[in-house]
Amino acid sequence: MKKRNEDYLLGFHSILEAINAGKTIDKVLIKKGLRGELFQECFRLIRHNNIPFQYVPSEKLNRISRTNHQGVIALVSAVDYFELTHLLPEVYEAGKEPFFLILDGITDIRNFGAIARSAESAGVDAIVLGKKNAASVNAEAVKISAGALTRIPVCRVTNIQESIKYLQESGLKIVGASEKTSEIYFTCQLTGPLGLVMGGEDKGLSDGSLKQVDTLVKIPMLGNISSLNVSVAAGILLFEVVRQRLK
């Protein structure tokens, strides 16, 4: 499916201008084998600003746009990102008990948008996701979220496990959703400063996150299907937090 024009930038000059102007870029797609001085200049700026990039065949670039892209396309975020280390103190200073949602490897944009919609409705203070192995925060994601992504802060971090550690050191209890536990979600105390971690569609929580979290919880399954769609599971857990906080 072709992406809409506001979701991407084509060519070296437009990407260089956008980076220098501080525009938020999700990822840069680079044609395999690309060479030249302009490419080197652009690549140095991409690395300097820690912008995720990926080498792809020219066919993938052509599927996005048939316009002359010079072998490089930048996928542009539809929202501005927040710094986790700046946002958390602001939540505490506002007199709130922080409630953060950490997405560890969720790549499907439909799941991401649906989760963001539930998170905003549940009063989540921010969504934390990785710079790599994460769904793009583009116009389609905003639409799927029913606009929730324009109202809830999103923090894009380099390392999920380091961010979990920071939240723990800042007083948050970190609870991960996983089938690799015997604790049912509604028996776990989910009040107080909290971070809820949801894993990717295929593998669930990464090994690093499994080791890092304070507690694992699961949703009991009584049928023959052993797992739920991650957006459905996230909704169940998010509103269990709401239920316990309102109790």
Protein backbone atom coordinates (compact mmCIF):
# COMPACT_ATOMS: atom_id res chain seq x y z
CA MET A 1 0.00 0.00 0.00
CA LYS A 2 1.39 3.39 -0.95
CA LYS A 3 1.98 5.73 1.96
CA ARG A 4 0.48 9.20 1.98
CA ASN A 5 2.77 12.12 1.13
CA GLU A 6 2.77 13.60 4.63
CA ASP A 7 4.22 10.33 5.98
CA TYR A 8 7.54 10.37 4.13
CA LEU A 9 10.32 12.50 2.68
CA LEU A 10 12.10 11.70 -0.58
CA GLY A 11 15.73 12.30 -1.47
CA PHE A 12 18.83 13.56 0.31
CA HIS A 13 18.12 17.29 0.35
CA SER A 14 14.63 17.04 1.87
CA ILE A 15 15.86 14.60 4.52
CA LEU A 16 18.90 16.73 5.39
CA GLU A 17 16.70 19.82 5.73
CA ALA A 18 14.20 17.97 7.90
CA ILE A 19 16.86 16.62 10.27
CA ASN A 20 18.54 20.03 10.58
CA ALA A 21 15.13 21.57 11.29
CA GLY A 22 14.52 19.11 14.11
CA LYS A 23 11.64 17.29 12.42
CA THR A 24 10.79 13.95 14.03
CA ILE A 25 11.77 11.04 11.79
CA ASP A 26 10.84 7.44 12.63
CA LYS A 27 13.19 5.65 10.26
CA VAL A 28 15.23 6.15 7.11
CA LEU A 29 15.11 3.50 4.39
CA ILE A 30 18.31 3.33 2.34
CA LYS A 31 18.83 1.48 -0.92
CA LYS A 32 21.36 -1.33 -0.55
CA GLY A 33 24.74 -0.45 -2.05
CA LEU A 34 24.13 3.29 -2.12
CA ARG A 35 27.32 5.37 -2.41
CA GLY A 36 28.45 8.95 -2.98
CA GLU A 37 29.34 12.11 -1.06
CA LEU A 38 25.73 13.23 -0.57
CA PHE A 39 24.84 9.83 0.83
CA GLN A 40 27.81 9.96 3.22
CA GLU A 41 26.79 13.43 4.44
CA CYS A 42 23.20 12.30 5.01
CA PHE A 43 24.30 9.06 6.67
CA ARG A 44 26.61 10.88 9.10
CA LEU A 45 23.71 13.12 10.15
CA ILE A 46 21.41 10.13 10.56
CA ARG A 47 23.93 8.39 12.82
CA HIS A 48 24.71 11.58 14.76
CA ASN A 49 21.02 12.05 15.58
CA ASN A 50 20.46 8.35 16.43
CA ILE A 51 17.77 8.01 13.78
CA PRO A 52 16.91 4.36 13.04
CA PHE A 53 17.78 3.28 9.50
CA GLN A 54 17.44 0.17 7.39
CA TYR A 55 19.03 -1.00 4.15
CA VAL A 56 16.35 -2.21 1.76
CA PRO A 57 16.11 -3.32 -1.89
CA SER A 58 15.10 -0.66 -4.40
CA GLU A 59 11.80 -2.51 -4.97
CA LYS A 60 10.66 -1.63 -1.45
CA LEU A 61 11.43 2.06 -2.01
CA ASN A 62 9.57 1.99 -5.32
CA ARG A 63 6.51 0.51 -3.63
CA ILE A 64 6.41 3.53 -1.33
CA SER A 65 6.90 6.08 -4.11
CA ARG A 66 7.65 6.02 -7.84
CA THR A 67 8.90 9.60 -7.63
CA ASN A 68 12.69 10.06 -7.83
CA HIS A 69 13.75 9.22 -4.28
CA GLN A 70 17.51 8.98 -4.98
CA GLY A 71 17.60 5.70 -3.09
CA VAL A 72 16.59 7.15 0.28
CA ILE A 73 13.18 7.68 1.94
CA ALA A 74 12.51 8.95 5.45
CA LEU A 75 9.38 7.84 7.29
CA VAL A 76 8.10 10.83 9.26
CA SER A 77 6.38 10.64 12.64
CA ALA A 78 2.92 12.16 12.96
CA VAL A 79 3.63 13.24 16.56
CA ASP A 80 6.45 14.83 18.51
CA TYR A 81 8.16 12.55 20.99
CA PHE A 82 8.72 13.25 24.68
CA GLU A 83 11.85 12.55 26.73
CA LEU A 84 11.09 9.90 29.34
CA THR A 85 13.49 11.45 31.85
CA HIS A 86 11.73 14.81 31.51
CA LEU A 87 8.17 13.51 31.46
CA LEU A 88 8.21 11.27 34.53
CA PRO A 89 9.24 14.04 36.96
CA GLU A 90 6.45 16.21 35.53
CA VAL A 91 3.90 13.48 36.30
CA TYR A 92 5.14 13.25 39.90
CA GLU A 93 5.19 17.05 40.25
CA ALA A 94 1.55 17.16 39.13
CA GLY A 95 0.70 15.02 42.17
CA LYS A 96 -0.20 11.94 40.14
CA GLU A 97 0.72 8.29 40.58
CA PRO A 98 2.50 7.51 37.29
CA PHE A 99 0.93 4.96 34.98
CA PHE A 100 3.18 4.14 32.01
CA LEU A 101 2.62 1.63 29.23
CA ILE A 102 5.76 0.05 27.75
CA LEU A 103 5.46 -1.66 24.36
CA ASP A 104 8.25 -4.20 23.85
CA GLY A 105 8.39 -5.17 20.18
CA ILE A 106 4.84 -4.42 19.00
CA THR A 107 5.20 -3.82 15.26
CA ASP A 108 1.70 -4.10 13.82
CA ILE A 109 0.32 -0.61 13.30
CA ARG A 110 -3.28 -1.72 13.85
CA ASN A 111 -2.43 -3.25 17.21
CA PHE A 112 -0.41 -0.19 18.15
CA GLY A 113 -3.22 2.21 17.27
CA ALA A 114 -5.82 0.14 19.13
CA ILE A 115 -3.59 -0.10 22.21
CA ALA A 116 -2.99 3.66 22.19
CA ARG A 117 -6.76 4.25 22.08
CA SER A 118 -7.29 2.01 25.12
CA ALA A 119 -4.31 3.55 26.93
CA GLU A 120 -5.62 7.09 26.52
CA SER A 121 -9.06 6.01 27.73
CA ALA A 122 -7.50 4.31 30.76
CA GLY A 123 -5.61 7.44 31.79
CA VAL A 124 -2.12 6.23 30.91
CA ASP A 125 0.41 9.04 31.35
CA ALA A 126 2.68 7.96 28.47
CA ILE A 127 3.46 5.18 26.03
CA VAL A 128 7.08 4.04 25.85
CA LEU A 129 8.33 2.23 22.74
CA GLY A 130 11.69 1.42 21.21
CA LYS A 131 13.33 3.16 18.29
CA LYS A 132 13.80 -0.25 16.69
CA ASN A 133 11.37 -3.15 16.35
CA ALA A 134 8.35 -0.93 16.88
CA ALA A 135 5.37 0.26 14.84
CA SER A 136 5.67 3.62 13.12
CA VAL A 137 3.84 6.53 14.72
CA ASN A 138 2.42 7.83 11.46
CA ALA A 139 -0.88 9.29 10.25
CA GLU A 140 -2.41 5.83 9.85
CA ALA A 141 -1.55 4.95 13.46
CA VAL A 142 -3.12 8.22 14.64
CA LYS A 143 -6.29 7.43 12.68
CA ILE A 144 -6.51 3.89 14.07
CA SER A 145 -6.06 5.29 17.59
CA ALA A 146 -9.04 7.61 17.00
CA GLY A 147 -6.71 10.52 17.64
CA ALA A 148 -5.45 9.18 20.98
CA LEU A 149 -1.83 9.45 19.80
CA THR A 150 -2.22 13.21 19.55
CA ARG A 151 -3.36 13.37 23.18
CA ILE A 152 -1.11 10.90 24.99
CA PRO A 153 2.66 11.47 25.21
CA VAL A 154 4.85 8.97 23.35
CA CYS A 155 8.44 8.35 24.45
CA ARG A 156 10.66 6.64 21.89
CA VAL A 157 13.70 5.13 23.60
CA THR A 158 16.92 3.49 22.46
CA ASN A 159 16.78 0.62 24.95
CA ILE A 160 13.58 -0.73 26.51
CA GLN A 161 15.35 -2.53 29.36
CA GLU A 162 17.29 0.57 30.38
CA SER A 163 14.04 2.54 30.37
CA ILE A 164 12.39 -0.09 32.56
CA LYS A 165 15.32 0.16 34.97
CA TYR A 166 14.98 3.96 35.05
CA LEU A 167 11.27 3.68 35.84
CA GLN A 168 11.98 1.14 38.60
CA GLU A 169 14.62 3.39 40.12
CA SER A 170 12.05 6.20 40.00
CA GLY A 171 9.58 4.25 42.14
CA LEU A 172 7.42 2.43 39.59
CA LYS A 173 6.44 -1.21 39.96
CA ILE A 174 6.93 -2.86 36.56
CA VAL A 175 4.43 -5.56 35.63
CA GLY A 176 4.85 -7.63 32.49
CA ALA A 177 2.17 -9.59 30.64
CA SER A 178 3.30 -13.15 29.93
CA GLU A 179 2.02 -16.70 29.78
CA LYS A 180 5.22 -17.76 31.60
CA THR A 181 3.73 -17.26 35.06
CA SER A 182 1.07 -18.71 37.31
CA GLU A 183 -0.14 -15.35 38.68
CA ILE A 184 -3.53 -14.27 37.35
CA TYR A 185 -3.71 -10.54 36.59
CA PHE A 186 -6.59 -9.72 38.95
CA THR A 187 -4.74 -11.20 41.95
CA CYS A 188 -1.81 -8.80 41.43
CA GLN A 189 -1.79 -5.41 43.12
CA LEU A 190 -1.81 -2.85 40.31
CA THR A 191 -2.20 0.33 42.32
CA GLY A 192 0.48 2.92 43.01
CA PRO A 193 3.14 4.07 40.52
CA LEU A 194 3.04 1.48 37.77
CA GLY A 195 4.56 0.47 34.46
CA LEU A 196 2.76 -2.18 32.37
CA VAL A 197 4.83 -4.00 29.74
CA MET A 198 3.21 -5.65 26.73
CA GLY A 199 5.30 -7.83 24.41
CA GLY A 200 5.36 -8.29 20.66
CA GLU A 201 2.75 -10.09 18.58
CA ASP A 202 4.80 -13.22 17.89
CA LYS A 203 7.22 -13.71 20.79
CA GLY A 204 5.72 -11.75 23.66
CA LEU A 205 8.13 -10.07 26.06
CA SER A 206 11.79 -10.11 25.08
CA ASP A 207 14.18 -12.11 27.27
CA GLY A 208 15.66 -8.88 28.61
CA SER A 209 12.27 -7.58 29.70
CA LEU A 210 11.28 -10.92 31.24
CA LYS A 211 14.34 -10.67 33.49
CA GLN A 212 13.87 -6.97 34.23
CA VAL A 213 10.23 -6.72 35.32
CA ASP A 214 9.18 -6.96 38.97
CA THR A 215 6.16 -9.19 38.39
CA LEU A 216 4.62 -11.23 35.58
CA VAL A 217 0.87 -11.69 35.20
CA LYS A 218 -1.28 -13.64 32.79
CA ILE A 219 -4.86 -13.66 31.57
CA PRO A 220 -6.49 -17.06 32.18
CA MET A 221 -7.52 -18.85 29.00
CA LEU A 222 -10.34 -21.40 29.18
CA GLY A 223 -10.81 -22.18 25.48
CA ASN A 224 -8.69 -24.07 22.97
CA ILE A 225 -6.93 -20.93 21.70
CA SER A 226 -4.00 -20.25 24.00
CA SER A 227 -3.48 -16.53 23.48
CA LEU A 228 -5.26 -13.23 22.79
CA ASN A 229 -4.51 -10.51 20.29
CA VAL A 230 -2.10 -8.16 22.06
CA SER A 231 -4.41 -5.15 21.73
CA VAL A 232 -7.23 -7.10 23.39
CA ALA A 233 -4.91 -8.31 26.15
CA ALA A 234 -3.63 -4.78 26.70
CA GLY A 235 -7.20 -3.48 27.03
CA ILE A 236 -8.04 -6.09 29.67
CA LEU A 237 -4.96 -5.29 31.76
CA LEU A 238 -5.22 -1.51 31.37
CA PHE A 239 -8.76 -1.46 32.67
CA GLU A 240 -7.93 -3.82 35.52
CA VAL A 241 -5.56 -1.08 36.63
CA VAL A 242 -8.44 1.40 36.32
CA ARG A 243 -10.73 -0.90 38.32
CA GLN A 244 -8.22 -1.28 41.15
CA ARG A 245 -7.47 2.43 41.24
CA LEU A 246 -11.17 3.29 41.46
CA LYS A 247 -11.92 0.61 44.07
